[in-house]
């Protein structure tokens, strides 16, 4: 009698490394140029992207400024905070 192997479905969860985000919040005390500079230097954004993100945060109250692994987001969030910007990591 032949041996029949049952197929079993194995499900694995692979975390998307971009499921974490750094959210930049609008404030009344940081100059627009400073926010743009931080977005370019810390979040690796182009000048055009930095301006768009800064404007979105200004107009809507918040904007996603970085996406990546939890470790990368925590590092970016910490550096942005050291520059006086208000951010959260989610």
PDB file of N, CA and C in Angstrom:
ATOM      1  N   UNK A   1       0.845  -1.174   0.000  1.00  0.00           N
ATOM      2  CA  UNK A   1       0.000   0.000   0.000  1.00  0.00           C
ATOM      3  C   UNK A   1       0.897   1.246   0.000  1.00  0.00           C
ATOM      4  N   UNK A   2       0.689   2.174  -0.948  1.00  0.00           N
ATOM      5  CA  UNK A   2       1.541   3.361  -1.008  1.00  0.00           C
ATOM      6  C   UNK A   2       1.237   4.336   0.124  1.00  0.00           C
ATOM      7  N   UNK A   3       2.264   5.048   0.510  1.00  0.00           N
ATOM      8  CA  UNK A   3       2.100   6.054   1.560  1.00  0.00           C
ATOM      9  C   UNK A   3       1.740   7.377   0.889  1.00  0.00           C
ATOM     10  N   UNK A   4       0.653   7.949   1.314  1.00  0.00           N
ATOM     11  CA  UNK A   4       0.194   9.230   0.768  1.00  0.00           C
ATOM     12  C   UNK A   4       0.448  10.306   1.817  1.00  0.00           C
ATOM     13  N   UNK A   5       1.225  11.273   1.401  1.00  0.00           N
ATOM     14  CA  UNK A   5       1.510  12.370   2.325  1.00  0.00           C
ATOM     15  C   UNK A   5       0.440  13.439   2.173  1.00  0.00           C
ATOM     16  N   UNK A   6      -0.055  13.852   3.276  1.00  0.00           N
ATOM     17  CA  UNK A   6      -1.049  14.921   3.263  1.00  0.00           C
ATOM     18  C   UNK A   6      -0.351  16.254   3.096  1.00  0.00           C
ATOM     19  N   UNK A   7      -0.929  17.065   2.252  1.00  0.00           N
ATOM     20  CA  UNK A   7      -0.396  18.420   2.116  1.00  0.00           C
ATOM     21  C   UNK A   7      -0.970  19.261   3.238  1.00  0.00           C
ATOM     22  N   UNK A   8      -0.114  19.960   3.893  1.00  0.00           N
ATOM     23  CA  UNK A   8      -0.581  20.869   4.936  1.00  0.00           C
ATOM     24  C   UNK A   8      -0.215  22.282   4.531  1.00  0.00           C
ATOM     25  N   UNK A   9      -1.126  23.131   4.782  1.00  0.00           N
ATOM     26  CA  UNK A   9      -0.898  24.529   4.439  1.00  0.00           C
ATOM     27  C   UNK A   9      -0.187  25.199   5.602  1.00  0.00           C
ATOM     28  N   UNK A  10       0.928  25.758   5.308  1.00  0.00           N
ATOM     29  CA  UNK A  10       1.693  26.458   6.326  1.00  0.00           C
ATOM     30  C   UNK A  10       1.585  27.942   6.027  1.00  0.00           C
ATOM     31  N   UNK A  11       1.071  28.662   6.977  1.00  0.00           N
ATOM     32  CA  UNK A  11       0.967  30.106   6.764  1.00  0.00           C
ATOM     33  C   UNK A  11       2.023  30.789   7.611  1.00  0.00           C
ATOM     34  N   UNK A  12       2.721  31.658   6.985  1.00  0.00           N
ATOM     35  CA  UNK A  12       3.715  32.449   7.698  1.00  0.00           C
ATOM     36  C   UNK A  12       3.387  33.908   7.485  1.00  0.00           C
ATOM     37  N   UNK A  13       3.642  34.654   8.497  1.00  0.00           N
ATOM     38  CA  UNK A  13       3.394  36.097   8.410  1.00  0.00           C
ATOM     39  C   UNK A  13       4.723  36.794   8.209  1.00  0.00           C
ATOM     40  N   UNK A  14       4.799  37.516   7.140  1.00  0.00           N
ATOM     41  CA  UNK A  14       6.000  38.300   6.867  1.00  0.00           C
ATOM     42  C   UNK A  14       5.631  39.758   7.072  1.00  0.00           C
ATOM     43  N   UNK A  15       6.295  40.371   8.026  1.00  0.00           N
ATOM     44  CA  UNK A  15       6.022  41.783   8.292  1.00  0.00           C
ATOM     45  C   UNK A  15       6.506  42.635   7.139  1.00  0.00           C
ATOM     46  N   UNK A  16       5.654  43.518   6.731  1.00  0.00           N
ATOM     47  CA  UNK A  16       6.046  44.494   5.729  1.00  0.00           C
ATOM     48  C   UNK A  16       6.921  45.520   6.444  1.00  0.00           C
ATOM     49  N   UNK A  17       8.149  45.707   5.957  1.00  0.00           N
ATOM     50  CA  UNK A  17       9.045  46.624   6.670  1.00  0.00           C
ATOM     51  C   UNK A  17       8.559  48.070   6.610  1.00  0.00           C
ATOM     52  N   UNK A  18       7.610  48.348   5.733  1.00  0.00           N
ATOM     53  CA  UNK A  18       7.112  49.711   5.610  1.00  0.00           C
ATOM     54  C   UNK A  18       5.783  49.915   6.332  1.00  0.00           C
ATOM     55  N   UNK A  19       5.465  49.040   7.264  1.00  0.00           N
ATOM     56  CA  UNK A  19       4.186  49.212   7.937  1.00  0.00           C
ATOM     57  C   UNK A  19       4.257  50.231   9.077  1.00  0.00           C
ATOM     58  N   UNK A  20       5.446  50.715   9.398  1.00  0.00           N
ATOM     59  CA  UNK A  20       5.596  51.712  10.458  1.00  0.00           C
ATOM     60  C   UNK A  20       5.825  53.082   9.832  1.00  0.00           C
ATOM     61  N   UNK A  21       5.377  54.109  10.554  1.00  0.00           N
ATOM     62  CA  UNK A  21       5.424  55.462  10.003  1.00  0.00           C
ATOM     63  C   UNK A  21       5.868  56.462  11.058  1.00  0.00           C
ATOM     64  N   UNK A  22       6.473  57.530  10.594  1.00  0.00           N
ATOM     65  CA  UNK A  22       6.746  58.692  11.442  1.00  0.00           C
ATOM     66  C   UNK A  22       5.803  59.786  10.966  1.00  0.00           C
ATOM     67  N   UNK A  23       5.037  60.326  11.898  1.00  0.00           N
ATOM     68  CA  UNK A  23       4.063  61.367  11.568  1.00  0.00           C
ATOM     69  C   UNK A  23       4.562  62.688  12.136  1.00  0.00           C
ATOM     70  N   UNK A  24       4.639  63.672  11.263  1.00  0.00           N
ATOM     71  CA  UNK A  24       5.057  65.023  11.626  1.00  0.00           C
ATOM     72  C   UNK A  24       3.816  65.854  11.915  1.00  0.00           C
ATOM     73  N   UNK A  25       3.820  66.559  13.054  1.00  0.00           N
ATOM     74  CA  UNK A  25       2.685  67.404  13.430  1.00  0.00           C
ATOM     75  C   UNK A  25       3.050  68.874  13.268  1.00  0.00           C
ATOM     76  N   UNK A  26       2.055  69.662  12.911  1.00  0.00           N
ATOM     77  CA  UNK A  26       2.234  71.097  12.772  1.00  0.00           C
ATOM     78  C   UNK A  26       2.468  71.719  14.146  1.00  0.00           C
ATOM     79  N   UNK A  27       3.283  72.745  14.185  1.00  0.00           N
ATOM     80  CA  UNK A  27       3.462  73.522  15.416  1.00  0.00           C
ATOM     81  C   UNK A  27       3.584  74.996  15.042  1.00  0.00           C
ATOM     82  N   UNK A  28       3.556  75.830  16.047  1.00  0.00           N
ATOM     83  CA  UNK A  28       3.594  77.273  15.803  1.00  0.00           C
ATOM     84  C   UNK A  28       4.965  77.891  16.059  1.00  0.00           C
ATOM     85  N   UNK A  29       5.974  77.088  16.345  1.00  0.00           N
ATOM     86  CA  UNK A  29       7.247  77.685  16.721  1.00  0.00           C
ATOM     87  C   UNK A  29       8.435  77.302  15.843  1.00  0.00           C
ATOM     88  N   UNK A  30       8.344  76.297  14.990  1.00  0.00           N
ATOM     89  CA  UNK A  30       9.452  75.947  14.107  1.00  0.00           C
ATOM     90  C   UNK A  30       9.302  76.641  12.761  1.00  0.00           C
ATOM     91  N   UNK A  31      10.365  77.334  12.311  1.00  0.00           N
ATOM     92  CA  UNK A  31      10.305  77.973  10.989  1.00  0.00           C
ATOM     93  C   UNK A  31      10.160  76.917   9.887  1.00  0.00           C
ATOM     94  N   UNK A  32       9.462  77.287   8.852  1.00  0.00           N
ATOM     95  CA  UNK A  32       9.201  76.385   7.730  1.00  0.00           C
ATOM     96  C   UNK A  32      10.497  75.841   7.138  1.00  0.00           C
ATOM     97  N   UNK A  33      11.503  76.705   7.005  1.00  0.00           N
ATOM     98  CA  UNK A  33      12.792  76.284   6.442  1.00  0.00           C
ATOM     99  C   UNK A  33      13.459  75.213   7.301  1.00  0.00           C
ATOM    100  N   UNK A  34      13.340  75.340   8.616  1.00  0.00           N
ATOM    101  CA  UNK A  34      13.930  74.358   9.528  1.00  0.00           C
ATOM    102  C   UNK A  34      13.257  72.996   9.345  1.00  0.00           C
ATOM    103  N   UNK A  35      11.941  73.008   9.214  1.00  0.00           N
ATOM    104  CA  UNK A  35      11.191  71.764   9.009  1.00  0.00           C
ATOM    105  C   UNK A  35      11.631  71.111   7.697  1.00  0.00           C
ATOM    106  N   UNK A  36      11.719  71.890   6.638  1.00  0.00           N
ATOM    107  CA  UNK A  36      12.155  71.355   5.341  1.00  0.00           C
ATOM    108  C   UNK A  36      13.567  70.785   5.419  1.00  0.00           C
ATOM    109  N   UNK A  37      14.467  71.505   6.088  1.00  0.00           N
ATOM    110  CA  UNK A  37      15.850  71.021   6.222  1.00  0.00           C
ATOM    111  C   UNK A  37      15.898  69.689   6.961  1.00  0.00           C
ATOM    112  N   UNK A  38      15.118  69.568   8.024  1.00  0.00           N
ATOM    113  CA  UNK A  38      15.080  68.313   8.784  1.00  0.00           C
ATOM    114  C   UNK A  38      14.524  67.176   7.940  1.00  0.00           C
ATOM    115  N   UNK A  39      13.497  67.459   7.167  1.00  0.00           N
ATOM    116  CA  UNK A  39      12.919  66.431   6.302  1.00  0.00           C
ATOM    117  C   UNK A  39      13.935  65.953   5.265  1.00  0.00           C
ATOM    118  N   UNK A  40      14.744  66.871   4.752  1.00  0.00           N
ATOM    119  CA  UNK A  40      15.750  66.487   3.762  1.00  0.00           C
ATOM    120  C   UNK A  40      16.902  65.719   4.410  1.00  0.00           C
ATOM    121  N   UNK A  41      17.391  66.205   5.535  1.00  0.00           N
ATOM    122  CA  UNK A  41      18.576  65.603   6.158  1.00  0.00           C
ATOM    123  C   UNK A  41      18.264  64.326   6.938  1.00  0.00           C
ATOM    124  N   UNK A  42      17.170  64.312   7.662  1.00  0.00           N
ATOM    125  CA  UNK A  42      16.865  63.183   8.546  1.00  0.00           C
ATOM    126  C   UNK A  42      15.993  62.136   7.856  1.00  0.00           C
ATOM    127  N   UNK A  43      15.032  62.607   7.056  1.00  0.00           N
ATOM    128  CA  UNK A  43      14.085  61.680   6.406  1.00  0.00           C
ATOM    129  C   UNK A  43      14.479  61.359   4.964  1.00  0.00           C
ATOM    130  N   UNK A  44      15.605  61.921   4.507  1.00  0.00           N
ATOM    131  CA  UNK A  44      16.120  61.641   3.163  1.00  0.00           C
ATOM    132  C   UNK A  44      15.141  62.022   2.058  1.00  0.00           C
ATOM    133  N   UNK A  45      14.471  63.160   2.219  1.00  0.00           N
ATOM    134  CA  UNK A  45      13.522  63.645   1.216  1.00  0.00           C
ATOM    135  C   UNK A  45      14.189  64.652   0.299  1.00  0.00           C
ATOM    136  N   UNK A  46      13.710  64.724  -0.934  1.00  0.00           N
ATOM    137  CA  UNK A  46      14.183  65.765  -1.847  1.00  0.00           C
ATOM    138  C   UNK A  46      13.589  67.096  -1.381  1.00  0.00           C
ATOM    139  N   UNK A  47      14.095  68.181  -1.930  1.00  0.00           N
ATOM    140  CA  UNK A  47      13.571  69.488  -1.547  1.00  0.00           C
ATOM    141  C   UNK A  47      12.084  69.597  -1.883  1.00  0.00           C
ATOM    142  N   UNK A  48      11.704  69.068  -3.034  1.00  0.00           N
ATOM    143  CA  UNK A  48      10.302  69.104  -3.452  1.00  0.00           C
ATOM    144  C   UNK A  48       9.428  68.280  -2.504  1.00  0.00           C
ATOM    145  N   UNK A  49       9.882  67.074  -2.138  1.00  0.00           N
ATOM    146  CA  UNK A  49       9.119  66.231  -1.208  1.00  0.00           C
ATOM    147  C   UNK A  49       9.026  66.889   0.162  1.00  0.00           C
ATOM    148  N   UNK A  50      10.136  67.469   0.624  1.00  0.00           N
ATOM    149  CA  UNK A  50      10.152  68.117   1.933  1.00  0.00           C
ATOM    150  C   UNK A  50       9.157  69.266   1.984  1.00  0.00           C
ATOM    151  N   UNK A  51       9.117  70.063   0.927  1.00  0.00           N
ATOM    152  CA  UNK A  51       8.169  71.181   0.873  1.00  0.00           C
ATOM    153  C   UNK A  51       6.725  70.673   0.894  1.00  0.00           C
ATOM    154  N   UNK A  52       6.450  69.597   0.131  1.00  0.00           N
ATOM    155  CA  UNK A  52       5.104  69.034   0.082  1.00  0.00           C
ATOM    156  C   UNK A  52       4.678  68.506   1.458  1.00  0.00           C
ATOM    157  N   UNK A  53       5.571  67.793   2.136  1.00  0.00           N
ATOM    158  CA  UNK A  53       5.255  67.230   3.455  1.00  0.00           C
ATOM    159  C   UNK A  53       5.062  68.347   4.477  1.00  0.00           C
ATOM    160  N   UNK A  54       5.934  69.344   4.457  1.00  0.00           N
ATOM    161  CA  UNK A  54       5.814  70.470   5.386  1.00  0.00           C
ATOM    162  C   UNK A  54       4.496  71.220   5.169  1.00  0.00           C
ATOM    163  N   UNK A  55       4.124  71.422   3.910  1.00  0.00           N
ATOM    164  CA  UNK A  55       2.853  72.095   3.614  1.00  0.00           C
ATOM    165  C   UNK A  55       1.657  71.260   4.065  1.00  0.00           C
ATOM    166  N   UNK A  56       1.738  69.947   3.855  1.00  0.00           N
ATOM    167  CA  UNK A  56       0.642  69.073   4.288  1.00  0.00           C
ATOM    168  C   UNK A  56       0.482  69.131   5.811  1.00  0.00           C
ATOM    169  N   UNK A  57       1.597  69.073   6.530  1.00  0.00           N
ATOM    170  CA  UNK A  57       1.527  69.161   7.993  1.00  0.00           C
ATOM    171  C   UNK A  57       0.973  70.513   8.420  1.00  0.00           C
ATOM    172  N   UNK A  58       1.389  71.564   7.739  1.00  0.00           N
ATOM    173  CA  UNK A  58       0.911  72.915   8.065  1.00  0.00           C
ATOM    174  C   UNK A  58      -0.592  73.050   7.814  1.00  0.00           C
ATOM    175  N   UNK A  59      -1.051  72.546   6.671  1.00  0.00           N
ATOM    176  CA  UNK A  59      -2.456  72.720   6.278  1.00  0.00           C
ATOM    177  C   UNK A  59      -3.408  71.721   6.927  1.00  0.00           C
ATOM    178  N   UNK A  60      -2.952  70.486   7.121  1.00  0.00           N
ATOM    179  CA  UNK A  60      -3.836  69.443   7.649  1.00  0.00           C
ATOM    180  C   UNK A  60      -3.556  69.095   9.112  1.00  0.00           C
ATOM    181  N   UNK A  61      -2.474  69.651   9.662  1.00  0.00           N
ATOM    182  CA  UNK A  61      -2.152  69.383  11.056  1.00  0.00           C
ATOM    183  C   UNK A  61      -1.157  68.255  11.256  1.00  0.00           C
ATOM    184  N   UNK A  62      -1.010  67.387  10.243  1.00  0.00           N
ATOM    185  CA  UNK A  62      -0.043  66.295  10.343  1.00  0.00           C
ATOM    186  C   UNK A  62       0.220  65.722   8.957  1.00  0.00           C
ATOM    187  N   UNK A  63       1.359  65.023   8.840  1.00  0.00           N
ATOM    188  CA  UNK A  63       1.723  64.397   7.572  1.00  0.00           C
ATOM    189  C   UNK A  63       2.698  63.257   7.848  1.00  0.00           C
ATOM    190  N   UNK A  64       2.611  62.210   7.058  1.00  0.00           N
ATOM    191  CA  UNK A  64       3.574  61.118   7.157  1.00  0.00           C
ATOM    192  C   UNK A  64       4.880  61.608   6.537  1.00  0.00           C
ATOM    193  N   UNK A  65       5.956  61.531   7.305  1.00  0.00           N
ATOM    194  CA  UNK A  65       7.234  62.029   6.777  1.00  0.00           C
ATOM    195  C   UNK A  65       8.241  60.916   6.545  1.00  0.00           C
ATOM    196  N   UNK A  66       7.968  59.709   7.060  1.00  0.00           N
ATOM    197  CA  UNK A  66       8.907  58.605   6.871  1.00  0.00           C
ATOM    198  C   UNK A  66       8.171  57.292   7.086  1.00  0.00           C
ATOM    199  N   UNK A  67       8.538  56.278   6.293  1.00  0.00           N
ATOM    200  CA  UNK A  67       8.001  54.931   6.452  1.00  0.00           C
ATOM    201  C   UNK A  67       9.146  53.940   6.409  1.00  0.00           C
ATOM    202  N   UNK A  68       9.093  52.938   7.270  1.00  0.00           N
ATOM    203  CA  UNK A  68      10.153  51.942   7.290  1.00  0.00           C
ATOM    204  C   UNK A  68       9.979  50.964   8.439  1.00  0.00           C
ATOM    205  N   UNK A  69      11.059  50.300   8.783  1.00  0.00           N
ATOM    206  CA  UNK A  69      11.029  49.348   9.893  1.00  0.00           C
ATOM    207  C   UNK A  69      10.829  50.121  11.195  1.00  0.00           C
ATOM    208  N   UNK A  70      10.415  49.420  12.229  1.00  0.00           N
ATOM    209  CA  UNK A  70      10.199  50.082  13.514  1.00  0.00           C
ATOM    210  C   UNK A  70      11.486  50.709  14.020  1.00  0.00           C
ATOM    211  N   UNK A  71      12.610  50.022  13.818  1.00  0.00           N
ATOM    212  CA  UNK A  71      13.895  50.556  14.274  1.00  0.00           C
ATOM    213  C   UNK A  71      14.252  51.847  13.541  1.00  0.00           C
ATOM    214  N   UNK A  72      14.084  51.848  12.223  1.00  0.00           N
ATOM    215  CA  UNK A  72      14.393  53.043  11.431  1.00  0.00           C
ATOM    216  C   UNK A  72      13.465  54.196  11.814  1.00  0.00           C
ATOM    217  N   UNK A  73      12.184  53.894  11.992  1.00  0.00           N
ATOM    218  CA  UNK A  73      11.222  54.943  12.356  1.00  0.00           C
ATOM    219  C   UNK A  73      11.533  55.525  13.731  1.00  0.00           C
ATOM    220  N   UNK A  74      11.916  54.680  14.676  1.00  0.00           N
ATOM    221  CA  UNK A  74      12.257  55.181  16.006  1.00  0.00           C
ATOM    222  C   UNK A  74      13.495  56.081  15.944  1.00  0.00           C
ATOM    223  N   UNK A  75      14.474  55.710  15.122  1.00  0.00           N
ATOM    224  CA  UNK A  75      15.673  56.534  14.965  1.00  0.00           C
ATOM    225  C   UNK A  75      15.329  57.880  14.347  1.00  0.00           C
ATOM    226  N   UNK A  76      14.543  57.858  13.272  1.00  0.00           N
ATOM    227  CA  UNK A  76      14.129  59.102  12.611  1.00  0.00           C
ATOM    228  C   UNK A  76      13.310  59.958  13.575  1.00  0.00           C
ATOM    229  N   UNK A  77      12.383  59.349  14.291  1.00  0.00           N
ATOM    230  CA  UNK A  77      11.556  60.082  15.242  1.00  0.00           C
ATOM    231  C   UNK A  77      12.378  60.748  16.331  1.00  0.00           C
ATOM    232  N   UNK A  78      13.375  60.033  16.827  1.00  0.00           N
ATOM    233  CA  UNK A  78      14.247  60.584  17.860  1.00  0.00           C
ATOM    234  C   UNK A  78      15.039  61.780  17.329  1.00  0.00           C
ATOM    235  N   UNK A  79      15.595  61.648  16.132  1.00  0.00           N
ATOM    236  CA  UNK A  79      16.373  62.746  15.540  1.00  0.00           C
ATOM    237  C   UNK A  79      15.494  63.961  15.256  1.00  0.00           C
ATOM    238  N   UNK A  80      14.272  63.711  14.769  1.00  0.00           N
ATOM    239  CA  UNK A  80      13.355  64.835  14.507  1.00  0.00           C
ATOM    240  C   UNK A  80      13.001  65.539  15.818  1.00  0.00           C
ATOM    241  N   UNK A  81      12.768  64.761  16.863  1.00  0.00           N
ATOM    242  CA  UNK A  81      12.470  65.333  18.169  1.00  0.00           C
ATOM    243  C   UNK A  81      13.623  66.162  18.719  1.00  0.00           C
ATOM    244  N   UNK A  82      14.848  65.691  18.497  1.00  0.00           N
ATOM    245  CA  UNK A  82      16.025  66.448  18.938  1.00  0.00           C
ATOM    246  C   UNK A  82      16.133  67.795  18.245  1.00  0.00           C
ATOM    247  N   UNK A  83      15.539  67.893  17.067  1.00  0.00           N
ATOM    248  CA  UNK A  83      15.528  69.151  16.299  1.00  0.00           C
ATOM    249  C   UNK A  83      14.341  70.040  16.688  1.00  0.00           C
ATOM    250  N   UNK A  84      13.571  69.613  17.673  1.00  0.00           N
ATOM    251  CA  UNK A  84      12.456  70.417  18.157  1.00  0.00           C
ATOM    252  C   UNK A  84      11.151  70.196  17.429  1.00  0.00           C
ATOM    253  N   UNK A  85      11.082  69.188  16.579  1.00  0.00           N
ATOM    254  CA  UNK A  85       9.852  68.905  15.844  1.00  0.00           C
ATOM    255  C   UNK A  85       8.995  67.933  16.621  1.00  0.00           C
ATOM    256  N   UNK A  86       7.695  68.050  16.438  1.00  0.00           N
ATOM    257  CA  UNK A  86       6.749  67.169  17.116  1.00  0.00           C
ATOM    258  C   UNK A  86       6.374  66.034  16.170  1.00  0.00           C
ATOM    259  N   UNK A  87       6.716  64.807  16.571  1.00  0.00           N
ATOM    260  CA  UNK A  87       6.452  63.633  15.738  1.00  0.00           C
ATOM    261  C   UNK A  87       5.942  62.489  16.602  1.00  0.00           C
ATOM    262  N   UNK A  88       5.337  61.509  15.951  1.00  0.00           N
ATOM    263  CA  UNK A  88       4.987  60.264  16.625  1.00  0.00           C
ATOM    264  C   UNK A  88       5.335  59.111  15.689  1.00  0.00           C
ATOM    265  N   UNK A  89       5.616  57.967  16.283  1.00  0.00           N
ATOM    266  CA  UNK A  89       5.935  56.766  15.534  1.00  0.00           C
ATOM    267  C   UNK A  89       4.783  55.796  15.723  1.00  0.00           C
ATOM    268  N   UNK A  90       4.281  55.277  14.608  1.00  0.00           N
ATOM    269  CA  UNK A  90       3.181  54.303  14.710  1.00  0.00           C
ATOM    270  C   UNK A  90       3.421  53.139  13.791  1.00  0.00           C
TER     271      UNK A  90
END
